Protein backbone atom coordinates (compact mmCIF):
# COMPACT_ATOMS: atom_id res chain seq x y z
CA MET A 1 -28.39 -31.82 -17.94
CA ASP A 2 -24.80 -31.82 -16.71
CA THR A 3 -25.14 -33.05 -13.10
CA ALA A 4 -21.57 -32.00 -12.26
CA LEU A 5 -22.22 -28.39 -13.28
CA VAL A 6 -25.46 -28.34 -11.30
CA CYS A 7 -23.58 -29.52 -8.20
CA ILE A 8 -20.88 -26.88 -8.73
CA ALA A 9 -23.50 -24.17 -9.18
CA LEU A 10 -25.43 -25.27 -6.07
CA ARG A 11 -22.25 -25.43 -4.02
CA GLY A 12 -21.24 -21.92 -5.02
CA THR A 13 -24.75 -20.46 -4.72
CA ILE A 14 -25.49 -21.83 -1.23
CA THR A 15 -22.08 -20.80 0.09
CA CYS A 16 -22.42 -17.31 -1.41
CA ILE A 17 -25.88 -16.83 0.09
CA VAL A 18 -24.53 -17.67 3.56
CA PHE A 19 -21.56 -15.33 3.10
CA ALA A 20 -23.80 -12.56 1.74
CA TYR A 21 -25.99 -12.78 4.84
CA PHE A 22 -23.07 -12.56 7.27
CA VAL A 23 -21.30 -9.79 5.33
CA PHE A 24 -24.15 -7.51 4.26
CA ILE A 25 -26.41 -7.65 7.33
CA PRO A 26 -23.82 -5.87 9.57
CA LEU A 27 -23.38 -3.29 6.78
CA GLU A 28 -27.07 -2.34 6.79
CA SER A 29 -26.39 1.08 8.32
CA ARG A 30 -24.11 1.88 5.38
CA TYR A 31 -26.42 0.93 2.51
CA LYS A 32 -26.32 3.49 -0.29
CA ARG A 33 -29.56 2.23 -1.80
CA SER A 34 -32.82 0.70 -0.66
CA ILE A 35 -32.72 -2.78 0.88
CA LEU A 36 -34.31 -4.28 -2.26
CA GLN A 37 -31.80 -2.63 -4.61
CA THR A 38 -28.89 -3.62 -2.37
CA TRP A 39 -29.89 -7.27 -2.28
CA LEU A 40 -30.46 -7.29 -6.04
CA LEU A 41 -26.82 -6.22 -6.38
CA VAL A 42 -25.86 -8.96 -3.94
CA CYS A 43 -27.73 -11.49 -6.11
CA LEU A 44 -25.83 -10.17 -9.12
CA LEU A 45 -22.54 -10.77 -7.29
CA ILE A 46 -23.63 -14.32 -6.39
CA CYS A 47 -24.40 -15.01 -10.08
CA ILE A 48 -21.02 -13.61 -11.12
CA THR A 49 -19.29 -15.77 -8.51
CA VAL A 50 -20.99 -18.94 -9.76
CA LEU A 51 -20.25 -18.11 -13.40
CA VAL A 52 -16.58 -17.34 -12.70
CA THR A 53 -16.28 -20.60 -10.72
CA ILE A 54 -17.78 -22.64 -13.57
CA LEU A 55 -15.99 -20.89 -16.42
CA PHE A 56 -12.54 -20.27 -14.94
CA LEU A 57 -12.07 -22.30 -11.77
CA THR A 58 -13.38 -25.76 -12.60
CA SER A 59 -10.78 -28.36 -13.49
CA GLU A 60 -10.64 -29.45 -17.15
CA ARG A 61 -13.54 -27.20 -18.18
CA TYR A 62 -13.90 -24.09 -20.32
CA PHE A 63 -11.28 -21.45 -19.40
CA CYS A 64 -9.49 -23.27 -16.57
CA LYS A 65 -6.10 -22.25 -17.92
CA TYR A 66 -7.10 -18.61 -17.41
CA SER A 67 -7.91 -19.09 -13.74
CA THR A 68 -5.76 -16.12 -12.66
CA PHE A 69 -7.73 -13.85 -14.97
CA GLY A 70 -10.96 -15.27 -13.55
CA ILE A 71 -9.88 -14.51 -9.98
CA LEU A 72 -8.92 -10.93 -10.87
CA LEU A 73 -12.21 -10.55 -12.73
CA TRP A 74 -14.17 -11.66 -9.66
CA ILE A 75 -12.21 -9.37 -7.30
CA THR A 76 -12.86 -6.40 -9.60
CA ALA A 77 -16.57 -7.20 -9.92
CA ALA A 78 -16.91 -7.70 -6.16
CA VAL A 79 -15.20 -4.38 -5.34
CA VAL A 80 -17.39 -2.52 -7.85
CA ILE A 81 -20.62 -4.05 -6.51
CA PHE A 82 -19.59 -3.40 -2.90
CA GLN A 83 -18.84 0.23 -3.78
CA MET A 84 -22.23 0.54 -5.46
CA SER A 85 -23.99 -1.01 -2.45
CA VAL A 86 -22.38 0.35 0.72
CA ARG A 87 -20.50 3.41 1.95
CA CYS A 88 -16.94 2.16 2.44
CA SER A 89 -13.57 3.43 1.37
CA CYS A 90 -12.06 1.55 -1.57
CA LEU A 91 -9.36 -0.04 0.60
CA GLU A 92 -11.85 -1.14 3.27
CA THR A 93 -13.94 -2.69 0.49
CA LEU A 94 -10.85 -4.43 -0.89
CA PHE A 95 -10.04 -5.77 2.58
CA LEU A 96 -13.56 -7.15 2.99
CA VAL A 97 -13.63 -8.67 -0.51
CA LEU A 98 -10.27 -10.39 0.01
CA VAL A 99 -11.36 -11.74 3.42
CA VAL A 100 -14.51 -13.19 1.86
CA LEU A 101 -12.48 -14.63 -1.02
CA ASN A 102 -10.04 -16.31 1.39
CA LEU A 103 -12.79 -17.86 3.50
CA TYR A 104 -14.82 -18.90 0.46
CA VAL A 105 -11.95 -20.67 -1.29
CA ASN A 106 -10.87 -22.29 1.97
CA ILE A 107 -14.28 -23.94 2.30
CA MET A 108 -14.11 -25.01 -1.33
CA VAL A 109 -10.60 -26.42 -0.91
CA VAL A 110 -11.50 -28.36 2.24
CA SER A 111 -14.54 -29.90 0.54
CA LYS A 112 -12.46 -30.65 -2.57
CA VAL A 113 -9.74 -32.45 -0.59
CA MET A 114 -12.27 -34.36 1.48
CA GLY A 115 -14.08 -35.39 -1.70
CA MET A 116 -10.85 -36.70 -3.21
CA VAL A 117 -9.78 -38.63 -0.08
CA LEU A 118 -13.02 -39.78 1.57
CA HIS A 119 -15.08 -41.20 -1.28
CA LEU A 120 -18.84 -41.18 -0.84
CA PRO A 121 -21.09 -43.48 -2.88
CA PHE A 122 -22.00 -40.57 -5.14
CA SER A 123 -20.48 -38.78 -8.10
CA ASN A 124 -17.35 -36.74 -7.48
CA GLU A 125 -19.07 -33.31 -7.70
CA LEU A 126 -22.05 -34.43 -5.62
CA SER A 127 -19.63 -35.66 -2.96
CA LYS A 128 -17.89 -32.28 -2.95
CA LEU A 129 -21.28 -30.56 -2.67
CA ILE A 130 -22.15 -32.62 0.41
CA TYR A 131 -18.74 -31.98 1.97
CA ALA A 132 -18.98 -28.24 1.17
CA LEU A 133 -22.33 -28.01 2.97
CA ALA A 134 -20.90 -29.90 5.95
CA VAL A 135 -17.83 -27.64 6.13
CA LEU A 136 -20.03 -24.57 5.71
CA GLY A 137 -22.16 -25.76 8.64
CA LEU A 138 -19.04 -26.04 10.79
CA TYR A 139 -18.00 -22.55 9.68
CA LEU A 140 -21.27 -20.86 10.69
CA PRO A 141 -20.23 -20.09 14.30
CA LEU A 142 -16.90 -18.77 13.04
CA LEU A 143 -18.56 -16.56 10.42
CA TYR A 144 -20.99 -15.26 13.03
CA SER A 145 -18.14 -14.41 15.39
CA LEU A 146 -16.07 -12.77 12.66
CA PHE A 147 -18.75 -10.68 10.93
CA GLU A 148 -21.71 -10.30 13.28
CA ASN A 149 -19.59 -9.58 16.35
CA LEU A 150 -16.20 -8.22 15.34
CA TYR A 151 -16.78 -6.62 11.95
CA ARG A 152 -20.03 -5.01 13.13
CA ARG A 153 -18.01 -3.32 15.90
CA VAL A 154 -15.44 -2.16 13.33
CA ILE A 155 -18.29 -0.66 11.29
CA GLU A 156 -19.72 1.12 14.33
CA ILE A 157 -16.41 2.74 15.27
CA ASN A 158 -15.92 3.92 11.67
CA VAL A 159 -12.19 3.20 11.38
CA SER A 160 -10.05 5.91 9.78
CA SER A 161 -9.36 5.41 6.08
CA LEU A 162 -5.63 5.73 6.83
CA LEU A 163 -5.67 2.39 8.65
CA TRP A 164 -7.09 0.52 5.66
CA ARG A 165 -4.04 1.56 3.61
CA PHE A 166 -2.12 -1.22 5.33
CA ILE A 167 -4.71 -3.68 6.68
CA TRP A 168 -5.92 -4.80 3.24
CA ALA A 169 -2.46 -6.29 2.60
CA ILE A 170 -3.08 -9.03 5.22
CA PRO A 171 -5.83 -10.91 3.31
CA ALA A 172 -4.00 -10.14 0.06
CA LEU A 173 -0.87 -11.93 1.31
CA THR A 174 -2.81 -14.88 2.76
CA TYR A 175 -4.59 -15.33 -0.57
CA LEU A 176 -1.29 -15.11 -2.43
CA MET A 177 0.11 -17.86 -0.20
CA PHE A 178 -3.02 -19.92 -0.80
CA TYR A 179 -2.69 -19.41 -4.55
CA VAL A 180 0.93 -20.55 -4.60
CA LYS A 181 0.24 -23.65 -2.49
CA PHE A 182 -3.20 -24.86 -3.58
CA ILE A 183 -4.08 -23.51 -7.00
CA SER A 184 -2.26 -26.17 -9.02
CA ASP A 185 -3.63 -29.03 -6.89
CA TYR A 186 -7.13 -27.62 -6.69
CA TRP A 187 -7.86 -26.36 -10.17
CA LYS A 188 -5.15 -27.08 -12.72
CA ASN A 189 -3.34 -30.34 -12.01
CA PRO A 190 -5.20 -32.48 -9.46
CA VAL A 191 -2.91 -34.97 -7.76
CA GLN A 192 -3.47 -37.90 -5.45
CA MET A 193 -4.04 -36.71 -1.88
CA GLY A 194 -4.05 -38.41 1.51
CA THR A 195 -5.35 -37.87 5.03
CA GLU A 196 -2.48 -35.52 5.82
CA ASP A 197 -3.71 -33.25 3.03
CA ILE A 198 -7.09 -32.96 4.75
CA ILE A 199 -5.43 -32.14 8.07
CA PHE A 200 -3.11 -29.58 6.48
CA THR A 201 -5.94 -27.96 4.51
CA ILE A 202 -8.24 -27.73 7.56
CA LEU A 203 -5.42 -26.26 9.65
CA TRP A 204 -4.68 -23.75 6.90
CA SER A 205 -8.36 -22.84 6.71
CA PHE A 206 -8.72 -22.20 10.43
CA THR A 207 -5.35 -20.43 10.60
CA THR A 208 -6.54 -18.01 7.93
CA TYR A 209 -9.77 -17.41 9.83
CA ALA A 210 -7.83 -16.88 13.08
CA LEU A 211 -5.56 -14.35 11.37
CA PHE A 212 -8.54 -12.29 10.19
CA TRP A 213 -10.17 -12.57 13.62
CA VAL A 214 -7.00 -11.30 15.28
CA THR A 215 -6.72 -8.47 12.71
CA LEU A 216 -10.25 -7.22 13.40
CA GLN A 217 -9.76 -7.69 17.14
CA MET A 218 -6.59 -5.58 16.98
CA ILE A 219 -8.50 -2.85 15.12
CA VAL A 220 -11.18 -2.83 17.83
CA GLN A 221 -8.65 -2.91 20.67
CA THR A 222 -6.56 -0.17 19.06
CA HIS A 223 -9.64 2.01 18.69
CA GLU A 224 -10.62 1.39 22.32
CA GLY A 225 -7.10 2.36 23.40
CA ILE A 226 -7.22 5.53 21.30
CA SER A 227 -10.70 6.32 22.65
CA ALA A 228 -9.46 5.86 26.22
CA ALA A 229 -6.52 8.17 25.50
CA GLU A 230 -8.83 10.76 23.92
CA GLN A 231 -11.21 10.54 26.87
CA THR A 232 -8.30 11.06 29.27
CA LYS A 233 -7.20 14.04 27.20
CA LEU A 234 -10.73 15.45 27.26
CA ILE A 235 -10.95 15.03 31.03
CA THR A 236 -7.57 16.74 31.44
CA ILE A 237 -8.66 19.64 29.25
CA GLN A 238 -11.95 19.90 31.09
CA LEU A 239 -10.17 19.95 34.45
CA ARG A 240 -7.83 22.65 33.19
CA MET A 241 -10.82 24.71 32.02
CA GLN A 242 -12.53 24.22 35.37
CA GLU A 243 -9.38 25.38 37.17
CA GLU A 244 -9.38 28.53 35.03
CA GLN A 245 -13.04 29.10 35.79
CA TYR A 246 -12.51 28.58 39.52
CA GLU A 247 -9.55 30.98 39.44
CA ARG A 248 -11.76 33.62 37.83
CA LEU A 249 -14.47 32.86 40.38
CA PHE A 250 -12.03 33.31 43.29
CA GLU A 251 -10.78 36.55 41.75
CA ASN A 252 -14.37 37.78 41.50
CA ILE A 253 -15.05 36.77 45.11
CA GLU A 254 -11.98 38.65 46.32
CA LYS A 255 -12.91 41.64 44.21
CA THR A 256 -16.46 41.56 45.58
CA LYS A 257 -15.13 41.44 49.15
CA ARG A 258 -12.94 44.45 48.42
CA LEU A 259 -15.78 46.34 46.78
CA ARG A 260 -18.08 45.62 49.72
CA HIS A 261 -15.37 46.83 52.07
CA ASP A 262 -14.99 50.02 50.04
CA TRP A 263 -18.74 50.48 49.62
CA ARG A 264 -19.04 52.58 52.84
CA HIS A 265 -16.35 54.98 51.58
CA HIS A 266 -18.02 55.29 48.17
CA LEU A 267 -21.36 56.10 49.84
CA MET A 268 -19.74 58.75 52.05
CA THR A 269 -18.06 60.33 49.01
CA LEU A 270 -21.25 60.29 46.96
CA ASN A 271 -23.19 61.75 49.87
CA GLY A 272 -20.69 64.60 50.20
CA ILE A 273 -20.82 65.38 46.48
CA ALA A 274 -24.64 65.22 46.50
CA GLU A 275 -24.82 67.63 49.46
CA SER A 276 -22.74 70.11 47.50
CA GLY A 277 -25.36 69.95 44.74
CA ASP A 278 -22.84 68.96 42.03
CA THR A 279 -24.95 66.42 40.09
CA LEU A 280 -22.47 66.29 37.21
CA GLU A 281 -19.74 65.15 39.60
CA VAL A 282 -22.10 62.49 41.03
CA GLN A 283 -22.73 61.19 37.51
CA ARG A 284 -19.00 61.18 36.73
CA TYR A 285 -18.20 59.28 39.94
CA LEU A 286 -20.92 56.69 39.27
CA LYS A 287 -19.66 56.14 35.70
CA GLU A 288 -16.23 55.33 37.10
CA LEU A 289 -17.69 53.07 39.77
CA ILE A 290 -20.11 50.99 37.65
CA PRO A 291 -17.49 49.29 35.39
CA GLU A 292 -15.55 48.18 38.46
CA TYR A 293 -18.63 46.44 39.84
CA GLU A 294 -19.56 44.99 36.43
CA ALA A 295 -16.07 43.47 36.16
CA GLY A 296 -16.73 41.46 39.30
CA LYS A 297 -20.01 40.08 38.01
CA ASP A 298 -20.05 36.31 37.38
CA ILE A 299 -21.62 35.42 34.01
CA THR A 300 -23.01 31.95 33.36
CA LEU A 301 -23.19 31.02 29.68
CA CYS A 302 -25.03 27.72 30.04
CA LYS A 303 -26.91 25.83 32.74
CA ASN A 304 -24.99 22.68 31.79
CA HIS A 305 -21.73 22.83 33.74
CA VAL A 306 -19.56 20.99 31.17
CA VAL A 307 -20.72 23.16 28.28
CA ASP A 308 -20.44 26.29 30.44
CA VAL A 309 -16.81 25.50 31.33
CA ILE A 310 -15.87 25.01 27.66
CA LEU A 311 -17.69 28.14 26.48
CA GLN A 312 -16.21 30.23 29.30
CA HIS A 313 -12.72 29.01 28.35
CA TYR A 314 -13.00 29.88 24.66
CA ALA A 315 -14.89 33.11 25.38
CA GLY A 316 -11.83 34.19 27.38
CA ILE A 317 -9.51 33.22 24.51
CA ALA A 318 -11.73 35.08 22.03
CA GLU A 319 -11.70 38.22 24.15
CA ASN A 320 -7.91 38.15 24.45
CA CYS A 321 -7.49 37.64 20.69
CA GLY A 322 -9.94 40.32 19.60
CA ILE A 323 -12.55 37.88 18.37
CA GLU A 324 -16.21 38.82 18.66
CA MET A 325 -18.02 35.83 20.15
CA GLU A 326 -21.79 35.44 20.28
CA ILE A 327 -23.08 32.62 22.47
CA THR A 328 -26.63 31.40 23.04
CA ALA A 329 -26.77 28.18 25.06
CA ASP A 330 -29.95 26.49 26.25
CA ILE A 331 -28.86 23.10 27.60
CA PRO A 332 -30.00 21.83 31.01
CA GLN A 333 -27.65 20.11 33.43
CA ASN A 334 -29.66 16.90 33.09
CA SER A 335 -29.67 16.80 29.29
CA GLY A 336 -29.60 13.04 28.73
CA ILE A 337 -26.27 13.37 26.91
CA SER A 338 -23.05 12.21 28.52
CA ASP A 339 -20.50 14.78 29.67
CA THR A 340 -17.92 13.11 27.42
CA ALA A 341 -20.15 13.53 24.35
CA LEU A 342 -20.82 17.19 25.15
CA CYS A 343 -17.10 17.78 25.72
CA ILE A 344 -16.24 16.21 22.35
CA ILE A 345 -18.85 18.23 20.47
CA PHE A 346 -18.31 21.67 21.99
CA GLY A 347 -14.59 21.19 22.64
CA ASN A 348 -13.79 20.27 19.04
CA LEU A 349 -16.20 22.62 17.24
CA VAL A 350 -15.46 25.73 19.32
CA GLU A 351 -11.73 25.01 19.37
CA ASN A 352 -11.70 24.68 15.57
CA ALA A 353 -13.62 27.94 15.28
CA ALA A 354 -11.22 29.76 17.63
CA GLU A 355 -8.14 28.46 15.82
CA ALA A 356 -9.61 29.46 12.44
CA CYS A 357 -10.27 33.00 13.70
CA ILE A 358 -6.87 33.29 15.35
CA GLY A 359 -5.25 32.31 12.04
CA GLN A 360 -7.41 34.78 10.09
CA LYS A 361 -5.17 37.36 8.47
CA GLU A 362 -7.69 40.11 7.69
CA GLY A 363 -11.29 41.12 8.23
CA ALA A 364 -13.52 41.01 11.29
CA LYS A 365 -13.19 37.86 13.39
CA HIS A 366 -16.44 36.39 14.63
CA ILE A 367 -17.69 33.18 16.24
CA LYS A 368 -21.34 32.35 16.78
CA VAL A 369 -22.37 29.43 18.99
CA SER A 370 -26.00 28.40 19.21
CA ALA A 371 -27.20 25.37 21.16
CA CYS A 372 -30.63 24.39 22.39
CA MET A 373 -32.83 21.46 23.32
CA LYS A 374 -35.94 21.05 21.20
CA GLY A 375 -38.04 18.20 22.50
CA CYS A 376 -35.74 15.19 22.57
CA GLN A 377 -33.13 16.70 20.29
CA LEU A 378 -29.99 18.70 20.96
CA ILE A 379 -29.28 21.12 18.11
CA VAL A 380 -25.86 22.77 17.93
CA MET A 381 -24.54 25.29 15.43
CA VAL A 382 -21.03 26.77 15.47
CA LYS A 383 -20.22 29.34 12.78
CA ASN A 384 -16.96 31.25 12.37
CA THR A 385 -15.08 33.43 9.96
CA HIS A 386 -11.86 32.12 8.39
CA SER A 387 -9.29 32.88 5.71
CA ASN A 388 -7.62 29.46 5.30
CA ALA A 389 -8.27 27.21 2.32
CA ILE A 390 -10.56 24.29 3.25
CA ASP A 391 -9.13 20.92 2.20
CA LYS A 392 -12.12 18.63 1.61
CA ARG A 393 -11.89 15.44 -0.45
CA GLY A 394 -15.20 13.70 -0.88
CA GLU A 395 -16.84 13.71 2.54
CA ILE A 396 -13.54 13.99 4.44
CA PHE A 397 -12.01 17.21 5.78
CA TYR A 398 -8.22 17.11 5.91
CA SER A 399 -6.31 18.87 8.65
CA THR A 400 -4.49 22.15 8.05
CA LYS A 401 -2.23 21.43 11.07
CA HIS A 402 -0.87 18.01 10.12
CA GLU A 403 -0.84 15.41 7.34
CA GLY A 404 -3.94 13.31 6.83
CA GLU A 405 -7.55 13.48 7.91
CA GLY A 406 -8.63 15.91 10.61
CA VAL A 407 -9.46 14.50 14.03
CA GLY A 408 -12.03 16.90 15.46
CA LEU A 409 -14.90 16.63 12.98
CA PRO A 410 -14.74 12.80 12.69
CA SER A 411 -14.91 12.61 16.50
CA VAL A 412 -18.00 14.82 16.50
CA ARG A 413 -19.55 12.75 13.71
CA LYS A 414 -19.04 9.54 15.69
CA VAL A 415 -20.81 11.06 18.70
CA ALA A 416 -23.69 12.16 16.46
CA GLU A 417 -23.99 8.66 15.00
CA ARG A 418 -23.93 7.15 18.51
CA TYR A 419 -26.99 9.26 19.35
CA GLN A 420 -28.70 8.42 16.03
CA GLY A 421 -28.13 11.98 14.89
CA LEU A 422 -26.09 13.71 12.21
CA MET A 423 -23.31 16.21 11.67
CA LYS A 424 -23.12 18.51 8.68
CA ALA A 425 -20.48 21.06 7.70
CA GLU A 426 -20.85 23.91 5.21
CA TYR A 427 -18.34 26.54 4.13
CA ASP A 428 -17.58 29.31 1.70
CA LYS A 429 -14.63 31.65 1.25
CA SER A 430 -15.24 33.56 4.48
CA HIS A 431 -17.38 31.38 6.80
CA PHE A 432 -17.38 27.82 8.11
CA SER A 433 -20.48 26.34 9.77
CA ALA A 434 -20.89 23.05 11.62
CA TYR A 435 -24.30 21.67 12.56
CA VAL A 436 -24.95 18.78 14.94
CA ILE A 437 -28.24 17.12 15.86
CA LEU A 438 -28.40 14.49 18.61
CA ASN A 439 -31.49 12.45 19.47
CA VAL A 440 -31.93 12.04 23.22
CA LYS A 441 -34.22 9.29 24.48
CA LYS A 442 -34.27 10.56 28.02
CA GLU A 443 -37.09 12.93 28.95
CA LEU A 444 -35.81 16.36 29.83
CA HIS A 445 -36.90 18.75 32.52
CA GLY A 446 -36.05 22.26 33.55
CA ALA A 447 -34.06 23.64 30.62
CA GLY A 448 -32.37 26.94 31.25
CA VAL A 449 -31.03 29.60 28.91
CA ALA A 450 -28.32 32.20 29.07
CA SER A 451 -27.01 34.48 26.39
CA VAL A 452 -24.02 36.77 25.95
CA HIS A 453 -23.00 39.05 23.11
């Protein structure tokens, strides 16, 4: 048995197992297959990694002169297996694969340099195996911080695919720099190295890690900044809607005061007409009077104030634009769902429906909103007519107002995922329907219902 090959295989296998744990555990919510099938694919990738290392990346063995081909072969295999295993865009997968490749080769390079400079009383490959395990042990806190903390947060916020168009270039460039500097010394033409090579290699290794850490941290911080801006925008919109509602309320109060003031005169007039025995005139007068009183009547669409404000706002827009709007809302004030989440869901879905109807060129315009609490679940359905072409690519809806992915539906989907729920959209040539289910842990009491047609 070739002891050197055994040491190389063990070094690669142990390192890959550690990396697989830190990379694939945070991705558990995105598995496309069962846990067993996913980890079988991971084992396949570990075997491919070890084989590529032995065949293409081991000095003076087999296909060492084709090392570049071996690296490209591994990147391709890794991307394919990641795509088969988890739900990620191709560019996000490429970013993750290149990050893993950078960190993996950095550990291998550090152990290689240490093995060449600090000779242990063992064979060369066994020494590198021992050093690789030692370096890997030092890397564990860094890997935990990078993947378990930061990358898990990136997964949870579900970064837009547009961002990955550029971010993947960072690990690609760092690997290219690594390749230019280290590949000849590490694989092809080993040269005599000194202590300064160890220091330089370790610094390079940690610099690469720090660059990836900063990249992921910037993604998280950027998302938090965007979320804060969106929340401020939502609050501003909500305040504007509340102002409109209060203005209508004040108008109704003033109208009610006027009607109460005039009520004595109306009674005197009706009494005079009744005394004359003209019942038809009484009926005519009452028909004129009833709409005036109905106009001053305050209608509540939902017991939940936030949802009511939003529905009142878009009901007013629908009425002004000749859109028939049917609303059934059964959400209590104390629903267990944050006001921000409710604002995102109803604000985006009803706004999209209103804009689609406003842009509709022909046919009857109609919006139906249905929302209710069933047990510990909030179920929302918004259905509207439309005439625009729907631009859907895969699972992503692209905006008809600007370039790139739409903003509203992804925001709703994130809220649904935060509440362990789901969002689904269906459409045909004339209708678009959005469904949202949120799971609420909090026990609910006193649900109320109001309907308007």
